[in-house]
Amino acid sequence: MNDSLLVRAALILMFGLPQLANAQTDDFVKGLVIKIDESAGKIIIKHGPLKKFDMDEGMTMVFRAADPTMLKAVKAGDKVRFVPDRINSQFTITKIEKTK
């Protein structure tokens, strides 16, 4: 049994099913990098729906990078998958990786 499954099972036993939903915050979204502004620590991504924020349609948005070094891992034109979050009222990317 993998560690992720064990953690989820433990959460269910300890807190019930609602906690499990909160534990699944690493929901990746597919997107396309449009532009990167390293000096501002921001990235523009055209992406699909962000169900986490009740956004049912795709759009192009500016995100802040939680870690500015993430911006060096991708470039304009790259297909990516990323984890968006809202930190201090700003849409922020907490994880990003290239896809094919």
PDB file of N, CA and C in Angstrom:
ATOM      1  N   MET A   1       0.860  -1.179   0.000  1.00  0.00           N
ATOM      2  CA  MET A   1       0.000   0.000   0.000  1.00  0.00           C
ATOM      3  C   MET A   1       0.903   1.239   0.000  1.00  0.00           C
ATOM      4  N   ASN A   2       0.609   2.214  -0.860  1.00  0.00           N
ATOM      5  CA  ASN A   2       1.481   3.389  -0.915  1.00  0.00           C
ATOM      6  C   ASN A   2       1.184   4.359   0.231  1.00  0.00           C
ATOM      7  N   ASP A   3       2.138   5.253   0.487  1.00  0.00           N
ATOM      8  CA  ASP A   3       2.032   6.183   1.617  1.00  0.00           C
ATOM      9  C   ASP A   3       0.806   7.088   1.508  1.00  0.00           C
ATOM     10  N   SER A   4       0.486   7.543   0.292  1.00  0.00           N
ATOM     11  CA  SER A   4      -0.655   8.434   0.092  1.00  0.00           C
ATOM     12  C   SER A   4      -1.961   7.764   0.528  1.00  0.00           C
ATOM     13  N   LEU A   5      -2.108   6.516   0.151  1.00  0.00           N
ATOM     14  CA  LEU A   5      -3.312   5.782   0.521  1.00  0.00           C
ATOM     15  C   LEU A   5      -3.402   5.583   2.027  1.00  0.00           C
ATOM     16  N   LEU A   6      -2.266   5.317   2.660  1.00  0.00           N
ATOM     17  CA  LEU A   6      -2.248   5.159   4.109  1.00  0.00           C
ATOM     18  C   LEU A   6      -2.625   6.458   4.818  1.00  0.00           C
ATOM     19  N   VAL A   7      -2.122   7.578   4.320  1.00  0.00           N
ATOM     20  CA  VAL A   7      -2.450   8.875   4.916  1.00  0.00           C
ATOM     21  C   VAL A   7      -3.944   9.148   4.789  1.00  0.00           C
ATOM     22  N   ARG A   8      -4.495   8.891   3.619  1.00  0.00           N
ATOM     23  CA  ARG A   8      -5.934   9.113   3.414  1.00  0.00           C
ATOM     24  C   ARG A   8      -6.777   8.238   4.328  1.00  0.00           C
ATOM     25  N   ALA A   9      -6.381   6.980   4.455  1.00  0.00           N
ATOM     26  CA  ALA A   9      -7.114   6.074   5.346  1.00  0.00           C
ATOM     27  C   ALA A   9      -7.050   6.564   6.783  1.00  0.00           C
ATOM     28  N   ALA A  10      -5.887   7.046   7.195  1.00  0.00           N
ATOM     29  CA  ALA A  10      -5.734   7.561   8.564  1.00  0.00           C
ATOM     30  C   ALA A  10      -6.609   8.793   8.776  1.00  0.00           C
ATOM     31  N   LEU A  11      -6.672   9.676   7.771  1.00  0.00           N
ATOM     32  CA  LEU A  11      -7.520  10.873   7.889  1.00  0.00           C
ATOM     33  C   LEU A  11      -8.994  10.499   8.032  1.00  0.00           C
ATOM     34  N   ILE A  12      -9.423   9.516   7.271  1.00  0.00           N
ATOM     35  CA  ILE A  12     -10.822   9.081   7.378  1.00  0.00           C
ATOM     36  C   ILE A  12     -11.104   8.557   8.778  1.00  0.00           C
ATOM     37  N   LEU A  13     -10.185   7.737   9.283  1.00  0.00           N
ATOM     38  CA  LEU A  13     -10.384   7.174  10.618  1.00  0.00           C
ATOM     39  C   LEU A  13     -10.357   8.247  11.701  1.00  0.00           C
ATOM     40  N   MET A  14      -9.475   9.236  11.540  1.00  0.00           N
ATOM     41  CA  MET A  14      -9.316  10.258  12.574  1.00  0.00           C
ATOM     42  C   MET A  14     -10.380  11.344  12.505  1.00  0.00           C
ATOM     43  N   PHE A  15     -10.725  11.784  11.309  1.00  0.00           N
ATOM     44  CA  PHE A  15     -11.567  12.977  11.185  1.00  0.00           C
ATOM     45  C   PHE A  15     -12.833  12.780  10.359  1.00  0.00           C
ATOM     46  N   GLY A  16     -12.985  11.688   9.712  1.00  0.00           N
ATOM     47  CA  GLY A  16     -14.144  11.481   8.866  1.00  0.00           C
ATOM     48  C   GLY A  16     -13.872  11.924   7.443  1.00  0.00           C
ATOM     49  N   LEU A  17     -14.803  11.708   6.573  1.00  0.00           N
ATOM     50  CA  LEU A  17     -14.656  11.970   5.153  1.00  0.00           C
ATOM     51  C   LEU A  17     -14.445  13.444   4.783  1.00  0.00           C
ATOM     52  N   PRO A  18     -15.065  14.430   5.437  1.00  0.00           N
ATOM     53  CA  PRO A  18     -14.836  15.823   5.044  1.00  0.00           C
ATOM     54  C   PRO A  18     -13.366  16.236   5.083  1.00  0.00           C
ATOM     55  N   GLN A  19     -12.597  15.725   6.022  1.00  0.00           N
ATOM     56  CA  GLN A  19     -11.181  16.055   6.086  1.00  0.00           C
ATOM     57  C   GLN A  19     -10.438  15.511   4.876  1.00  0.00           C
ATOM     58  N   LEU A  20     -10.868  14.369   4.362  1.00  0.00           N
ATOM     59  CA  LEU A  20     -10.215  13.786   3.206  1.00  0.00           C
ATOM     60  C   LEU A  20     -10.316  14.733   2.015  1.00  0.00           C
ATOM     61  N   ALA A  21     -11.453  15.334   1.823  1.00  0.00           N
ATOM     62  CA  ALA A  21     -11.619  16.280   0.719  1.00  0.00           C
ATOM     63  C   ALA A  21     -10.661  17.451   0.873  1.00  0.00           C
ATOM     64  N   ASN A  22     -10.476  17.950   2.078  1.00  0.00           N
ATOM     65  CA  ASN A  22      -9.556  19.056   2.315  1.00  0.00           C
ATOM     66  C   ASN A  22      -8.105  18.636   2.124  1.00  0.00           C
ATOM     67  N   ALA A  23      -7.809  17.369   2.327  1.00  0.00           N
ATOM     68  CA  ALA A  23      -6.437  16.892   2.196  1.00  0.00           C
ATOM     69  C   ALA A  23      -6.010  16.802   0.733  1.00  0.00           C
ATOM     70  N   GLN A  24      -6.966  16.793  -0.203  1.00  0.00           N
ATOM     71  CA  GLN A  24      -6.655  16.650  -1.614  1.00  0.00           C
ATOM     72  C   GLN A  24      -6.514  18.021  -2.270  1.00  0.00           C
ATOM     73  N   THR A  25      -5.590  18.818  -1.799  1.00  0.00           N
ATOM     74  CA  THR A  25      -5.423  20.167  -2.316  1.00  0.00           C
ATOM     75  C   THR A  25      -4.475  20.226  -3.504  1.00  0.00           C
ATOM     76  N   ASP A  26      -3.778  19.127  -3.795  1.00  0.00           N
ATOM     77  CA  ASP A  26      -2.844  19.122  -4.917  1.00  0.00           C
ATOM     78  C   ASP A  26      -3.537  18.718  -6.208  1.00  0.00           C
ATOM     79  N   ASP A  27      -4.616  19.398  -6.547  1.00  0.00           N
ATOM     80  CA  ASP A  27      -5.347  19.112  -7.765  1.00  0.00           C
ATOM     81  C   ASP A  27      -4.708  19.877  -8.916  1.00  0.00           C
ATOM     82  N   PHE A  28      -4.028  19.137  -9.782  1.00  0.00           N
ATOM     83  CA  PHE A  28      -3.348  19.755 -10.911  1.00  0.00           C
ATOM     84  C   PHE A  28      -4.350  20.175 -11.977  1.00  0.00           C
ATOM     85  N   VAL A  29      -4.033  21.280 -12.642  1.00  0.00           N
ATOM     86  CA  VAL A  29      -4.822  21.824 -13.744  1.00  0.00           C
ATOM     87  C   VAL A  29      -3.895  21.909 -14.952  1.00  0.00           C
ATOM     88  N   LYS A  30      -4.415  21.568 -16.127  1.00  0.00           N
ATOM     89  CA  LYS A  30      -3.618  21.664 -17.347  1.00  0.00           C
ATOM     90  C   LYS A  30      -3.658  23.081 -17.884  1.00  0.00           C
ATOM     91  N   GLY A  31      -2.537  23.513 -18.473  1.00  0.00           N
ATOM     92  CA  GLY A  31      -2.488  24.851 -19.021  1.00  0.00           C
ATOM     93  C   GLY A  31      -1.375  25.026 -20.031  1.00  0.00           C
ATOM     94  N   LEU A  32      -1.314  26.232 -20.587  1.00  0.00           N
ATOM     95  CA  LEU A  32      -0.294  26.612 -21.550  1.00  0.00           C
ATOM     96  C   LEU A  32       0.314  27.923 -21.082  1.00  0.00           C
ATOM     97  N   VAL A  33       1.640  27.946 -20.927  1.00  0.00           N
ATOM     98  CA  VAL A  33       2.321  29.165 -20.489  1.00  0.00           C
ATOM     99  C   VAL A  33       2.286  30.181 -21.630  1.00  0.00           C
ATOM    100  N   ILE A  34       1.778  31.363 -21.347  1.00  0.00           N
ATOM    101  CA  ILE A  34       1.701  32.435 -22.334  1.00  0.00           C
ATOM    102  C   ILE A  34       2.886  33.387 -22.178  1.00  0.00           C
ATOM    103  N   LYS A  35       3.168  33.772 -20.933  1.00  0.00           N
ATOM    104  CA  LYS A  35       4.241  34.732 -20.685  1.00  0.00           C
ATOM    105  C   LYS A  35       4.750  34.564 -19.258  1.00  0.00           C
ATOM    106  N   ILE A  36       6.032  34.856 -19.069  1.00  0.00           N
ATOM    107  CA  ILE A  36       6.641  34.821 -17.736  1.00  0.00           C
ATOM    108  C   ILE A  36       7.279  36.174 -17.470  1.00  0.00           C
ATOM    109  N   ASP A  37       7.007  36.721 -16.284  1.00  0.00           N
ATOM    110  CA  ASP A  37       7.640  37.970 -15.847  1.00  0.00           C
ATOM    111  C   ASP A  37       8.406  37.663 -14.571  1.00  0.00           C
ATOM    112  N   GLU A  38       9.675  37.248 -14.750  1.00  0.00           N
ATOM    113  CA  GLU A  38      10.478  36.851 -13.590  1.00  0.00           C
ATOM    114  C   GLU A  38      10.671  37.990 -12.604  1.00  0.00           C
ATOM    115  N   SER A  39      10.856  39.216 -13.100  1.00  0.00           N
ATOM    116  CA  SER A  39      11.098  40.347 -12.188  1.00  0.00           C
ATOM    117  C   SER A  39       9.898  40.612 -11.283  1.00  0.00           C
ATOM    118  N   ALA A  40       8.690  40.337 -11.775  1.00  0.00           N
ATOM    119  CA  ALA A  40       7.480  40.529 -10.969  1.00  0.00           C
ATOM    120  C   ALA A  40       7.079  39.251 -10.238  1.00  0.00           C
ATOM    121  N   GLY A  41       7.730  38.122 -10.583  1.00  0.00           N
ATOM    122  CA  GLY A  41       7.381  36.853  -9.950  1.00  0.00           C
ATOM    123  C   GLY A  41       6.037  36.329 -10.399  1.00  0.00           C
ATOM    124  N   LYS A  42       5.670  36.623 -11.675  1.00  0.00           N
ATOM    125  CA  LYS A  42       4.338  36.239 -12.160  1.00  0.00           C
ATOM    126  C   LYS A  42       4.428  35.476 -13.467  1.00  0.00           C
ATOM    127  N   ILE A  43       3.362  34.720 -13.736  1.00  0.00           N
ATOM    128  CA  ILE A  43       3.264  33.904 -14.940  1.00  0.00           C
ATOM    129  C   ILE A  43       1.836  33.986 -15.464  1.00  0.00           C
ATOM    130  N   ILE A  44       1.694  34.090 -16.769  1.00  0.00           N
ATOM    131  CA  ILE A  44       0.371  34.108 -17.400  1.00  0.00           C
ATOM    132  C   ILE A  44       0.151  32.726 -18.005  1.00  0.00           C
ATOM    133  N   ILE A  45      -0.968  32.114 -17.644  1.00  0.00           N
ATOM    134  CA  ILE A  45      -1.283  30.763 -18.116  1.00  0.00           C
ATOM    135  C   ILE A  45      -2.709  30.726 -18.661  1.00  0.00           C
ATOM    136  N   LYS A  46      -2.846  30.127 -19.845  1.00  0.00           N
ATOM    137  CA  LYS A  46      -4.169  29.810 -20.395  1.00  0.00           C
ATOM    138  C   LYS A  46      -4.486  28.415 -19.869  1.00  0.00           C
ATOM    139  N   HIS A  47      -5.619  28.267 -19.187  1.00  0.00           N
ATOM    140  CA  HIS A  47      -5.897  27.012 -18.487  1.00  0.00           C
ATOM    141  C   HIS A  47      -7.348  26.601 -18.611  1.00  0.00           C
ATOM    142  N   GLY A  48      -7.600  25.385 -18.184  1.00  0.00           N
ATOM    143  CA  GLY A  48      -8.954  24.849 -18.135  1.00  0.00           C
ATOM    144  C   GLY A  48      -9.667  25.327 -16.880  1.00  0.00           C
ATOM    145  N   PRO A  49     -10.839  24.764 -16.615  1.00  0.00           N
ATOM    146  CA  PRO A  49     -11.624  25.158 -15.438  1.00  0.00           C
ATOM    147  C   PRO A  49     -10.849  24.995 -14.137  1.00  0.00           C
ATOM    148  N   LEU A  50     -11.082  25.926 -13.201  1.00  0.00           N
ATOM    149  CA  LEU A  50     -10.507  25.842 -11.856  1.00  0.00           C
ATOM    150  C   LEU A  50     -11.661  25.545 -10.906  1.00  0.00           C
ATOM    151  N   LYS A  51     -12.041  24.286 -10.836  1.00  0.00           N
ATOM    152  CA  LYS A  51     -13.188  23.872 -10.017  1.00  0.00           C
ATOM    153  C   LYS A  51     -13.013  24.281  -8.560  1.00  0.00           C
ATOM    154  N   LYS A  52     -11.782  24.281  -8.102  1.00  0.00           N
ATOM    155  CA  LYS A  52     -11.462  24.645  -6.722  1.00  0.00           C
ATOM    156  C   LYS A  52     -11.959  26.056  -6.376  1.00  0.00           C
ATOM    157  N   PHE A  53     -12.020  26.912  -7.404  1.00  0.00           N
ATOM    158  CA  PHE A  53     -12.461  28.304  -7.211  1.00  0.00           C
ATOM    159  C   PHE A  53     -13.805  28.570  -7.882  1.00  0.00           C
ATOM    160  N   ASP A  54     -14.557  27.513  -8.169  1.00  0.00           N
ATOM    161  CA  ASP A  54     -15.864  27.610  -8.822  1.00  0.00           C
ATOM    162  C   ASP A  54     -15.787  28.314 -10.175  1.00  0.00           C
ATOM    163  N   MET A  55     -14.674  28.132 -10.873  1.00  0.00           N
ATOM    164  CA  MET A  55     -14.520  28.662 -12.230  1.00  0.00           C
ATOM    165  C   MET A  55     -14.744  27.500 -13.180  1.00  0.00           C
ATOM    166  N   ASP A  56     -15.910  27.476 -13.819  1.00  0.00           N
ATOM    167  CA  ASP A  56     -16.297  26.336 -14.638  1.00  0.00           C
ATOM    168  C   ASP A  56     -15.807  26.396 -16.076  1.00  0.00           C
ATOM    169  N   GLU A  57     -15.204  27.496 -16.463  1.00  0.00           N
ATOM    170  CA  GLU A  57     -14.704  27.619 -17.827  1.00  0.00           C
ATOM    171  C   GLU A  57     -13.235  28.006 -17.806  1.00  0.00           C
ATOM    172  N   GLY A  58     -12.532  27.590 -18.848  1.00  0.00           N
ATOM    173  CA  GLY A  58     -11.128  27.945 -18.969  1.00  0.00           C
ATOM    174  C   GLY A  58     -10.962  29.419 -19.296  1.00  0.00           C
ATOM    175  N   MET A  59      -9.783  29.939 -19.031  1.00  0.00           N
ATOM    176  CA  MET A  59      -9.485  31.340 -19.304  1.00  0.00           C
ATOM    177  C   MET A  59      -7.983  31.547 -19.218  1.00  0.00           C
ATOM    178  N   THR A  60      -7.553  32.755 -19.446  1.00  0.00           N
ATOM    179  CA  THR A  60      -6.143  33.120 -19.307  1.00  0.00           C
ATOM    180  C   THR A  60      -6.023  34.026 -18.099  1.00  0.00           C
ATOM    181  N   MET A  61      -5.100  33.680 -17.186  1.00  0.00           N
ATOM    182  CA  MET A  61      -4.960  34.427 -15.931  1.00  0.00           C
ATOM    183  C   MET A  61      -3.501  34.666 -15.587  1.00  0.00           C
ATOM    184  N   VAL A  62      -3.281  35.683 -14.784  1.00  0.00           N
ATOM    185  CA  VAL A  62      -1.964  35.959 -14.216  1.00  0.00           C
ATOM    186  C   VAL A  62      -1.918  35.326 -12.829  1.00  0.00           C
ATOM    187  N   PHE A  63      -0.866  34.578 -12.578  1.00  0.00           N
ATOM    188  CA  PHE A  63      -0.655  33.945 -11.279  1.00  0.00           C
ATOM    189  C   PHE A  63       0.665  34.422 -10.701  1.00  0.00           C
ATOM    190  N   ARG A  64       0.714  34.539  -9.394  1.00  0.00           N
ATOM    191  CA  ARG A  64       1.965  34.789  -8.692  1.00  0.00           C
ATOM    192  C   ARG A  64       2.617  33.427  -8.479  1.00  0.00           C
ATOM    193  N   ALA A  65       3.928  33.370  -8.509  1.00  0.00           N
ATOM    194  CA  ALA A  65       4.651  32.122  -8.231  1.00  0.00           C
ATOM    195  C   ALA A  65       4.986  32.080  -6.746  1.00  0.00           C
ATOM    196  N   ALA A  66       4.562  31.020  -6.054  1.00  0.00           N
ATOM    197  CA  ALA A  66       4.866  30.884  -4.629  1.00  0.00           C
ATOM    198  C   ALA A  66       6.375  30.849  -4.418  1.00  0.00           C
ATOM    199  N   ASP A  67       7.079  30.234  -5.362  1.00  0.00           N
ATOM    200  CA  ASP A  67       8.539  30.159  -5.324  1.00  0.00           C
ATOM    201  C   ASP A  67       9.050  30.661  -6.673  1.00  0.00           C
ATOM    202  N   PRO A  68       9.725  31.802  -6.704  1.00  0.00           N
ATOM    203  CA  PRO A  68      10.169  32.384  -7.978  1.00  0.00           C
ATOM    204  C   PRO A  68      11.041  31.451  -8.830  1.00  0.00           C
ATOM    205  N   THR A  69      11.697  30.473  -8.217  1.00  0.00           N
ATOM    206  CA  THR A  69      12.526  29.556  -9.004  1.00  0.00           C
ATOM    207  C   THR A  69      11.675  28.684  -9.928  1.00  0.00           C
ATOM    208  N   MET A  70      10.385  28.534  -9.627  1.00  0.00           N
ATOM    209  CA  MET A  70       9.496  27.772 -10.508  1.00  0.00           C
ATOM    210  C   MET A  70       9.432  28.389 -11.895  1.00  0.00           C
ATOM    211  N   LEU A  71       9.594  29.702 -11.971  1.00  0.00           N
ATOM    212  CA  LEU A  71       9.482  30.394 -13.247  1.00  0.00           C
ATOM    213  C   LEU A  71      10.630  30.067 -14.189  1.00  0.00           C
ATOM    214  N   LYS A  72      11.721  29.558 -13.658  1.00  0.00           N
ATOM    215  CA  LYS A  72      12.867  29.183 -14.486  1.00  0.00           C
ATOM    216  C   LYS A  72      12.690  27.787 -15.091  1.00  0.00           C
ATOM    217  N   ALA A  73      11.746  27.025 -14.581  1.00  0.00           N
ATOM    218  CA  ALA A  73      11.537  25.650 -15.032  1.00  0.00           C
ATOM    219  C   ALA A  73      10.669  25.561 -16.283  1.00  0.00           C
ATOM    220  N   VAL A  74       9.999  26.657 -16.633  1.00  0.00           N
ATOM    221  CA  VAL A  74       9.110  26.658 -17.793  1.00  0.00           C
ATOM    222  C   VAL A  74       9.354  27.905 -18.628  1.00  0.00           C
ATOM    223  N   LYS A  75       8.845  27.873 -19.862  1.00  0.00           N
ATOM    224  CA  LYS A  75       8.966  29.041 -20.740  1.00  0.00           C
ATOM    225  C   LYS A  75       7.672  29.207 -21.526  1.00  0.00           C
ATOM    226  N   ALA A  76       7.491  30.363 -22.148  1.00  0.00           N
ATOM    227  CA  ALA A  76       6.308  30.621 -22.966  1.00  0.00           C
ATOM    228  C   ALA A  76       6.187  29.525 -24.025  1.00  0.00           C
ATOM    229  N   GLY A  77       4.977  29.015 -24.187  1.00  0.00           N
ATOM    230  CA  GLY A  77       4.715  27.953 -25.148  1.00  0.00           C
ATOM    231  C   GLY A  77       4.714  26.564 -24.548  1.00  0.00           C
ATOM    232  N   ASP A  78       5.205  26.414 -23.310  1.00  0.00           N
ATOM    233  CA  ASP A  78       5.225  25.103 -22.660  1.00  0.00           C
ATOM    234  C   ASP A  78       3.829  24.694 -22.216  1.00  0.00           C
ATOM    235  N   LYS A  79       3.502  23.418 -22.446  1.00  0.00           N
ATOM    236  CA  LYS A  79       2.297  22.832 -21.860  1.00  0.00           C
ATOM    237  C   LYS A  79       2.683  22.424 -20.448  1.00  0.00           C
ATOM    238  N   VAL A  80       1.817  22.747 -19.492  1.00  0.00           N
ATOM    239  CA  VAL A  80       2.126  22.475 -18.091  1.00  0.00           C
ATOM    240  C   VAL A  80       0.918  21.906 -17.370  1.00  0.00           C
ATOM    241  N   ARG A  81       1.189  21.417 -16.191  1.00  0.00           N
ATOM    242  CA  ARG A  81       0.134  21.148 -15.213  1.00  0.00           C
ATOM    243  C   ARG A  81       0.600  21.822 -13.938  1.00  0.00           C
ATOM    244  N   PHE A  82      -0.351  22.447 -13.252  1.00  0.00           N
ATOM    245  CA  PHE A  82       0.014  23.262 -12.095  1.00  0.00           C
ATOM    246  C   PHE A  82      -1.051  23.171 -11.022  1.00  0.00           C
ATOM    247  N   VAL A  83      -0.648  23.550  -9.813  1.00  0.00           N
ATOM    248  CA  VAL A  83      -1.579  23.575  -8.680  1.00  0.00           C
ATOM    249  C   VAL A  83      -1.799  25.029  -8.294  1.00  0.00           C
ATOM    250  N   PRO A  84      -3.014  25.538  -8.527  1.00  0.00           N
ATOM    251  CA  PRO A  84      -3.315  26.911  -8.140  1.00  0.00           C
ATOM    252  C   PRO A  84      -3.828  26.977  -6.706  1.00  0.00           C
ATOM    253  N   ASP A  85      -3.604  28.111  -6.076  1.00  0.00           N
ATOM    254  CA  ASP A  85      -4.132  28.349  -4.738  1.00  0.00           C
ATOM    255  C   ASP A  85      -4.410  29.841  -4.624  1.00  0.00           C
ATOM    256  N   ARG A  86      -5.082  30.235  -3.582  1.00  0.00           N
ATOM    257  CA  ARG A  86      -5.298  31.658  -3.326  1.00  0.00           C
ATOM    258  C   ARG A  86      -4.579  31.969  -2.025  1.00  0.00           C
ATOM    259  N   ILE A  87      -3.483  32.734  -2.121  1.00  0.00           N
ATOM    260  CA  ILE A  87      -2.679  33.083  -0.958  1.00  0.00           C
ATOM    261  C   ILE A  87      -2.660  34.599  -0.828  1.00  0.00           C
ATOM    262  N   ASN A  88      -3.052  35.099   0.341  1.00  0.00           N
ATOM    263  CA  ASN A  88      -3.150  36.547   0.566  1.00  0.00           C
ATOM    264  C   ASN A  88      -3.968  37.227  -0.526  1.00  0.00           C
ATOM    265  N   SER A  89      -5.079  36.608  -0.886  1.00  0.00           N
ATOM    266  CA  SER A  89      -6.028  37.123  -1.886  1.00  0.00           C
ATOM    267  C   SER A  89      -5.470  37.168  -3.305  1.00  0.00           C
ATOM    268  N   GLN A  90      -4.341  36.512  -3.557  1.00  0.00           N
ATOM    269  CA  GLN A  90      -3.763  36.475  -4.903  1.00  0.00           C
ATOM    270  C   GLN A  90      -3.754  35.041  -5.414  1.00  0.00           C
ATOM    271  N   PHE A  91      -4.121  34.883  -6.683  1.00  0.00           N
ATOM    272  CA  PHE A  91      -4.011  33.565  -7.280  1.00  0.00           C
ATOM    273  C   PHE A  91      -2.530  33.237  -7.409  1.00  0.00           C
ATOM    274  N   THR A  92      -2.159  32.089  -6.882  1.00  0.00           N
ATOM    275  CA  THR A  92      -0.752  31.707  -6.754  1.00  0.00           C
ATOM    276  C   THR A  92      -0.567  30.279  -7.210  1.00  0.00           C
ATOM    277  N   ILE A  93       0.551  30.023  -7.886  1.00  0.00           N
ATOM    278  CA  ILE A  93       0.895  28.663  -8.267  1.00  0.00           C
ATOM    279  C   ILE A  93       1.829  28.104  -7.204  1.00  0.00           C
ATOM    280  N   THR A  94       1.459  26.937  -6.676  1.00  0.00           N
ATOM    281  CA  THR A  94       2.289  26.305  -5.639  1.00  0.00           C
ATOM    282  C   THR A  94       3.149  25.182  -6.209  1.00  0.00           C
ATOM    283  N   LYS A  95       2.750  24.625  -7.357  1.00  0.00           N
ATOM    284  CA  LYS A  95       3.520  23.589  -8.044  1.00  0.00           C
ATOM    285  C   LYS A  95       3.290  23.756  -9.539  1.00  0.00           C
ATOM    286  N   ILE A  96       4.325  23.459 -10.323  1.00  0.00           N
ATOM    287  CA  ILE A  96       4.182  23.504 -11.778  1.00  0.00           C
ATOM    288  C   ILE A  96       5.170  22.525 -12.388  1.00  0.00           C
ATOM    289  N   GLU A  97       4.731  21.848 -13.455  1.00  0.00           N
ATOM    290  CA  GLU A  97       5.624  20.951 -14.170  1.00  0.00           C
ATOM    291  C   GLU A  97       5.230  20.894 -15.643  1.00  0.00           C
ATOM    292  N   LYS A  98       6.223  20.707 -16.496  1.00  0.00           N
ATOM    293  CA  LYS A  98       5.978  20.583 -17.935  1.00  0.00           C
ATOM    294  C   LYS A  98       5.276  19.263 -18.224  1.00  0.00           C
ATOM    295  N   THR A  99       4.459  19.269 -19.295  1.00  0.00           N
ATOM    296  CA  THR A  99       3.839  18.042 -19.780  1.00  0.00           C
ATOM    297  C   THR A  99       4.131  17.932 -21.267  1.00  0.00           C
ATOM    298  N   LYS A 100       3.725  16.842 -21.849  1.00  0.00           N
ATOM    299  CA  LYS A 100       3.932  16.644 -23.292  1.00  0.00           C
ATOM    300  C   LYS A 100       2.702  16.990 -24.070  1.00  0.00           C
TER     301      LYS A 100
END
